[in-house]
Amino acid sequence: MNNASVEVGTKLRVLQPKLSPAIWIITKIDQDKILIWEKRSLGLKMISEHLIHSDANETKVTIRMNYEGPLAGLIYQLTRSLTNRYMTMEINGLKKESEKL
């Protein structure tokens, strides 16, 4: 992100192996609680939610990916395995980094 300001409307270019570069736009953010961003293309909107739930004893993170639009079902079927792998990598990386704190 190159120290970019992170707020609603911020556009971020995401590079992932096996996928074309994508521009994701932050649509909702609440510091330390929620980040929702989305990517749009012809016939498809992908919505990624990152939710953080904390109490005195632990912190839990939930990551969800939703697909909307006429191509949602097809794209989900074609990409679900790769998406699940990337989401697992993301949550494992987040867990590893947070345990360093």
N, C-alpha and C. Protein backbone atom coordinates (compact mmCIF):
# COMPACT_ATOMS: atom_id res chain seq x y z
N MET A 1 0.82 -1.19 0.00
CA MET A 1 0.00 0.00 0.00
C MET A 1 0.86 1.25 0.00
N ASN A 2 2.12 1.12 0.22
CA ASN A 2 3.04 2.26 0.15
C ASN A 2 2.63 3.41 1.07
N ASN A 3 2.25 3.09 2.30
CA ASN A 3 1.86 4.11 3.28
C ASN A 3 0.69 4.97 2.82
N ALA A 4 -0.13 4.45 1.93
CA ALA A 4 -1.28 5.19 1.45
C ALA A 4 -2.30 5.32 2.57
N SER A 5 -3.07 6.39 2.51
CA SER A 5 -4.17 6.56 3.44
C SER A 5 -5.20 5.47 3.19
N VAL A 6 -5.69 4.86 4.24
CA VAL A 6 -6.67 3.79 4.10
C VAL A 6 -8.00 4.31 4.63
N GLU A 7 -8.91 4.58 3.71
CA GLU A 7 -10.22 5.10 4.07
C GLU A 7 -11.21 4.66 2.99
N VAL A 8 -12.49 4.87 3.25
CA VAL A 8 -13.50 4.52 2.26
C VAL A 8 -13.18 5.24 0.96
N GLY A 9 -13.21 4.49 -0.13
CA GLY A 9 -12.90 5.04 -1.45
C GLY A 9 -11.46 4.80 -1.89
N THR A 10 -10.59 4.40 -0.96
CA THR A 10 -9.20 4.11 -1.32
C THR A 10 -9.15 2.93 -2.29
N LYS A 11 -8.37 3.10 -3.35
CA LYS A 11 -8.19 2.03 -4.34
C LYS A 11 -6.82 1.40 -4.13
N LEU A 12 -6.81 0.07 -4.11
CA LEU A 12 -5.57 -0.66 -3.89
C LEU A 12 -5.38 -1.67 -5.02
N ARG A 13 -4.19 -1.70 -5.57
CA ARG A 13 -3.86 -2.67 -6.62
C ARG A 13 -3.32 -3.92 -5.95
N VAL A 14 -3.96 -5.05 -6.21
CA VAL A 14 -3.60 -6.31 -5.58
C VAL A 14 -3.02 -7.25 -6.62
N LEU A 15 -1.83 -7.77 -6.33
CA LEU A 15 -1.17 -8.73 -7.21
C LEU A 15 -1.13 -10.08 -6.51
N GLN A 16 -1.67 -11.10 -7.17
CA GLN A 16 -1.65 -12.46 -6.62
C GLN A 16 -1.24 -13.42 -7.73
N PRO A 17 -0.44 -14.42 -7.38
CA PRO A 17 -0.06 -15.42 -8.39
C PRO A 17 -1.30 -16.08 -9.00
N LYS A 18 -1.24 -16.37 -10.28
CA LYS A 18 -2.30 -17.05 -11.04
C LYS A 18 -3.52 -16.18 -11.31
N LEU A 19 -3.49 -14.92 -10.88
CA LEU A 19 -4.61 -14.01 -11.13
C LEU A 19 -4.11 -12.73 -11.78
N SER A 20 -4.97 -12.11 -12.55
CA SER A 20 -4.63 -10.81 -13.13
C SER A 20 -4.58 -9.77 -12.02
N PRO A 21 -3.77 -8.72 -12.20
CA PRO A 21 -3.79 -7.63 -11.22
C PRO A 21 -5.22 -7.10 -11.07
N ALA A 22 -5.57 -6.72 -9.87
CA ALA A 22 -6.94 -6.27 -9.61
C ALA A 22 -6.93 -4.99 -8.79
N ILE A 23 -7.90 -4.14 -9.05
CA ILE A 23 -8.10 -2.93 -8.26
C ILE A 23 -9.27 -3.18 -7.32
N TRP A 24 -8.99 -3.12 -6.03
CA TRP A 24 -10.01 -3.28 -5.00
C TRP A 24 -10.26 -1.91 -4.38
N ILE A 25 -11.52 -1.62 -4.07
CA ILE A 25 -11.90 -0.34 -3.48
C ILE A 25 -12.47 -0.58 -2.08
N ILE A 26 -11.95 0.15 -1.10
CA ILE A 26 -12.47 0.03 0.26
C ILE A 26 -13.84 0.68 0.32
N THR A 27 -14.83 -0.09 0.78
CA THR A 27 -16.20 0.42 0.86
C THR A 27 -16.66 0.64 2.30
N LYS A 28 -15.97 0.02 3.26
CA LYS A 28 -16.28 0.24 4.67
C LYS A 28 -15.04 -0.07 5.48
N ILE A 29 -14.78 0.79 6.44
CA ILE A 29 -13.64 0.54 7.33
C ILE A 29 -13.96 1.12 8.70
N ASP A 30 -13.65 0.35 9.72
CA ASP A 30 -13.77 0.78 11.11
C ASP A 30 -12.50 0.27 11.78
N GLN A 31 -11.63 1.18 12.12
CA GLN A 31 -10.31 0.82 12.63
C GLN A 31 -10.38 -0.30 13.65
N ASP A 32 -9.61 -1.33 13.44
CA ASP A 32 -9.48 -2.48 14.34
C ASP A 32 -10.74 -3.33 14.46
N LYS A 33 -11.74 -3.15 13.54
CA LYS A 33 -12.97 -3.94 13.65
C LYS A 33 -13.42 -4.53 12.32
N ILE A 34 -13.36 -3.75 11.26
CA ILE A 34 -13.94 -4.22 10.00
C ILE A 34 -13.26 -3.55 8.81
N LEU A 35 -13.06 -4.34 7.77
CA LEU A 35 -12.61 -3.83 6.48
C LEU A 35 -13.42 -4.58 5.42
N ILE A 36 -14.11 -3.82 4.60
CA ILE A 36 -14.82 -4.41 3.47
C ILE A 36 -14.32 -3.70 2.23
N TRP A 37 -13.93 -4.50 1.25
CA TRP A 37 -13.50 -3.92 -0.02
C TRP A 37 -14.08 -4.75 -1.14
N GLU A 38 -14.17 -4.15 -2.31
CA GLU A 38 -14.79 -4.86 -3.42
C GLU A 38 -14.05 -4.61 -4.72
N LYS A 39 -14.25 -5.56 -5.60
CA LYS A 39 -13.68 -5.50 -6.95
C LYS A 39 -14.83 -5.73 -7.91
N ARG A 40 -14.92 -4.87 -8.92
CA ARG A 40 -15.97 -5.01 -9.92
C ARG A 40 -15.36 -5.27 -11.29
N SER A 41 -16.05 -6.11 -12.04
CA SER A 41 -15.72 -6.32 -13.44
C SER A 41 -17.03 -6.62 -14.15
N LEU A 42 -16.98 -6.77 -15.43
CA LEU A 42 -18.18 -6.98 -16.22
C LEU A 42 -18.93 -8.22 -15.71
N GLY A 43 -20.14 -8.03 -15.22
CA GLY A 43 -20.97 -9.13 -14.77
C GLY A 43 -20.64 -9.70 -13.41
N LEU A 44 -19.76 -9.03 -12.67
CA LEU A 44 -19.33 -9.60 -11.39
C LEU A 44 -18.92 -8.51 -10.41
N LYS A 45 -19.33 -8.70 -9.16
CA LYS A 45 -18.81 -7.89 -8.06
C LYS A 45 -18.36 -8.87 -6.98
N MET A 46 -17.11 -8.74 -6.56
CA MET A 46 -16.57 -9.57 -5.49
C MET A 46 -16.43 -8.68 -4.26
N ILE A 47 -16.94 -9.17 -3.13
CA ILE A 47 -16.91 -8.41 -1.89
C ILE A 47 -16.14 -9.23 -0.86
N SER A 48 -15.09 -8.64 -0.31
CA SER A 48 -14.27 -9.31 0.69
C SER A 48 -14.45 -8.60 2.03
N GLU A 49 -14.82 -9.37 3.04
CA GLU A 49 -15.03 -8.82 4.38
C GLU A 49 -13.97 -9.38 5.33
N HIS A 50 -13.38 -8.49 6.10
CA HIS A 50 -12.43 -8.86 7.15
C HIS A 50 -12.99 -8.30 8.45
N LEU A 51 -13.41 -9.18 9.34
CA LEU A 51 -14.07 -8.77 10.58
C LEU A 51 -13.21 -9.21 11.77
N ILE A 52 -13.02 -8.31 12.72
CA ILE A 52 -12.21 -8.59 13.90
C ILE A 52 -13.10 -8.48 15.14
N HIS A 53 -13.10 -9.55 15.93
CA HIS A 53 -13.88 -9.60 17.17
C HIS A 53 -12.90 -9.81 18.31
N SER A 54 -12.87 -8.88 19.25
CA SER A 54 -11.93 -8.97 20.38
C SER A 54 -12.67 -8.92 21.70
N ASP A 55 -12.14 -9.64 22.67
CA ASP A 55 -12.56 -9.48 24.06
C ASP A 55 -11.29 -9.51 24.91
N ALA A 56 -11.44 -9.58 26.19
CA ALA A 56 -10.27 -9.52 27.09
C ALA A 56 -9.32 -10.69 26.91
N ASN A 57 -9.82 -11.82 26.39
CA ASN A 57 -9.02 -13.03 26.32
C ASN A 57 -8.49 -13.39 24.94
N GLU A 58 -9.19 -12.97 23.90
CA GLU A 58 -8.78 -13.42 22.57
C GLU A 58 -9.30 -12.48 21.48
N THR A 59 -8.73 -12.67 20.32
CA THR A 59 -9.19 -11.96 19.13
C THR A 59 -9.46 -12.99 18.05
N LYS A 60 -10.60 -12.86 17.41
CA LYS A 60 -10.96 -13.74 16.30
C LYS A 60 -11.14 -12.91 15.04
N VAL A 61 -10.66 -13.46 13.93
CA VAL A 61 -10.79 -12.80 12.64
C VAL A 61 -11.63 -13.69 11.73
N THR A 62 -12.59 -13.07 11.07
CA THR A 62 -13.41 -13.77 10.09
C THR A 62 -13.17 -13.13 8.74
N ILE A 63 -12.89 -13.95 7.74
CA ILE A 63 -12.73 -13.46 6.37
C ILE A 63 -13.79 -14.14 5.52
N ARG A 64 -14.54 -13.33 4.77
CA ARG A 64 -15.57 -13.87 3.88
C ARG A 64 -15.41 -13.26 2.51
N MET A 65 -15.74 -14.05 1.51
CA MET A 65 -15.75 -13.58 0.13
C MET A 65 -17.14 -13.84 -0.44
N ASN A 66 -17.76 -12.81 -0.98
CA ASN A 66 -19.08 -12.93 -1.59
C ASN A 66 -18.99 -12.53 -3.05
N TYR A 67 -19.76 -13.22 -3.86
CA TYR A 67 -19.81 -12.95 -5.30
C TYR A 67 -21.22 -12.53 -5.66
N GLU A 68 -21.35 -11.46 -6.45
CA GLU A 68 -22.66 -10.99 -6.90
C GLU A 68 -22.61 -10.72 -8.40
N GLY A 69 -23.76 -10.83 -9.03
CA GLY A 69 -23.87 -10.51 -10.45
C GLY A 69 -24.13 -11.75 -11.29
N PRO A 70 -24.41 -11.53 -12.59
CA PRO A 70 -24.76 -12.63 -13.49
C PRO A 70 -23.69 -13.71 -13.61
N LEU A 71 -22.43 -13.35 -13.44
CA LEU A 71 -21.34 -14.33 -13.58
C LEU A 71 -20.88 -14.90 -12.24
N ALA A 72 -21.56 -14.53 -11.16
CA ALA A 72 -21.11 -14.92 -9.82
C ALA A 72 -20.98 -16.43 -9.66
N GLY A 73 -21.99 -17.18 -10.05
CA GLY A 73 -21.96 -18.64 -9.88
C GLY A 73 -20.83 -19.28 -10.65
N LEU A 74 -20.66 -18.87 -11.89
CA LEU A 74 -19.60 -19.43 -12.74
C LEU A 74 -18.22 -19.10 -12.18
N ILE A 75 -18.00 -17.84 -11.84
CA ILE A 75 -16.69 -17.43 -11.32
C ILE A 75 -16.40 -18.13 -10.00
N TYR A 76 -17.41 -18.26 -9.16
CA TYR A 76 -17.22 -18.97 -7.90
C TYR A 76 -16.76 -20.40 -8.16
N GLN A 77 -17.45 -21.10 -9.06
CA GLN A 77 -17.08 -22.49 -9.36
C GLN A 77 -15.66 -22.59 -9.91
N LEU A 78 -15.28 -21.65 -10.76
CA LEU A 78 -13.96 -21.69 -11.39
C LEU A 78 -12.83 -21.32 -10.44
N THR A 79 -13.11 -20.49 -9.45
CA THR A 79 -12.03 -19.94 -8.62
C THR A 79 -12.09 -20.35 -7.15
N ARG A 80 -13.08 -21.12 -6.74
CA ARG A 80 -13.25 -21.35 -5.30
C ARG A 80 -12.05 -22.05 -4.67
N SER A 81 -11.44 -23.00 -5.34
CA SER A 81 -10.29 -23.71 -4.77
C SER A 81 -9.12 -22.74 -4.55
N LEU A 82 -8.82 -21.96 -5.57
CA LEU A 82 -7.73 -20.99 -5.46
C LEU A 82 -8.05 -19.93 -4.40
N THR A 83 -9.29 -19.44 -4.41
CA THR A 83 -9.70 -18.44 -3.42
C THR A 83 -9.57 -18.99 -2.01
N ASN A 84 -10.00 -20.21 -1.79
CA ASN A 84 -9.88 -20.82 -0.46
C ASN A 84 -8.43 -20.96 -0.04
N ARG A 85 -7.55 -21.33 -0.97
CA ARG A 85 -6.12 -21.43 -0.65
C ARG A 85 -5.56 -20.07 -0.25
N TYR A 86 -5.90 -19.03 -1.03
CA TYR A 86 -5.39 -17.69 -0.72
C TYR A 86 -5.93 -17.18 0.61
N MET A 87 -7.21 -17.45 0.89
CA MET A 87 -7.78 -17.01 2.16
C MET A 87 -7.13 -17.74 3.33
N THR A 88 -6.83 -19.01 3.17
CA THR A 88 -6.14 -19.78 4.21
C THR A 88 -4.74 -19.22 4.43
N MET A 89 -4.03 -18.92 3.34
CA MET A 89 -2.70 -18.32 3.46
C MET A 89 -2.78 -16.98 4.18
N GLU A 90 -3.79 -16.19 3.84
CA GLU A 90 -3.94 -14.87 4.46
C GLU A 90 -4.19 -14.99 5.97
N ILE A 91 -5.10 -15.86 6.36
CA ILE A 91 -5.42 -15.98 7.77
C ILE A 91 -4.25 -16.58 8.55
N ASN A 92 -3.53 -17.52 7.96
CA ASN A 92 -2.35 -18.09 8.62
C ASN A 92 -1.25 -17.05 8.77
N GLY A 93 -1.05 -16.22 7.75
CA GLY A 93 -0.06 -15.15 7.84
C GLY A 93 -0.43 -14.12 8.90
N LEU A 94 -1.71 -13.78 8.95
CA LEU A 94 -2.18 -12.84 9.96
C LEU A 94 -1.99 -13.41 11.36
N LYS A 95 -2.31 -14.68 11.53
CA LYS A 95 -2.13 -15.34 12.83
C LYS A 95 -0.66 -15.32 13.25
N LYS A 96 0.21 -15.67 12.32
CA LYS A 96 1.65 -15.70 12.61
C LYS A 96 2.16 -14.31 13.01
N GLU A 97 1.77 -13.29 12.26
CA GLU A 97 2.23 -11.93 12.57
C GLU A 97 1.65 -11.43 13.89
N SER A 98 0.39 -11.72 14.15
CA SER A 98 -0.23 -11.23 15.39
C SER A 98 0.36 -11.91 16.62
N GLU A 99 0.80 -13.14 16.48
CA GLU A 99 1.41 -13.85 17.61
C GLU A 99 2.78 -13.31 17.96
N LYS A 100 3.39 -12.53 17.07
CA LYS A 100 4.67 -11.90 17.36
C LYS A 100 4.51 -10.71 18.30
N LEU A 101 3.30 -10.17 18.38
CA LEU A 101 3.07 -8.96 19.18
C LEU A 101 3.04 -9.25 20.66
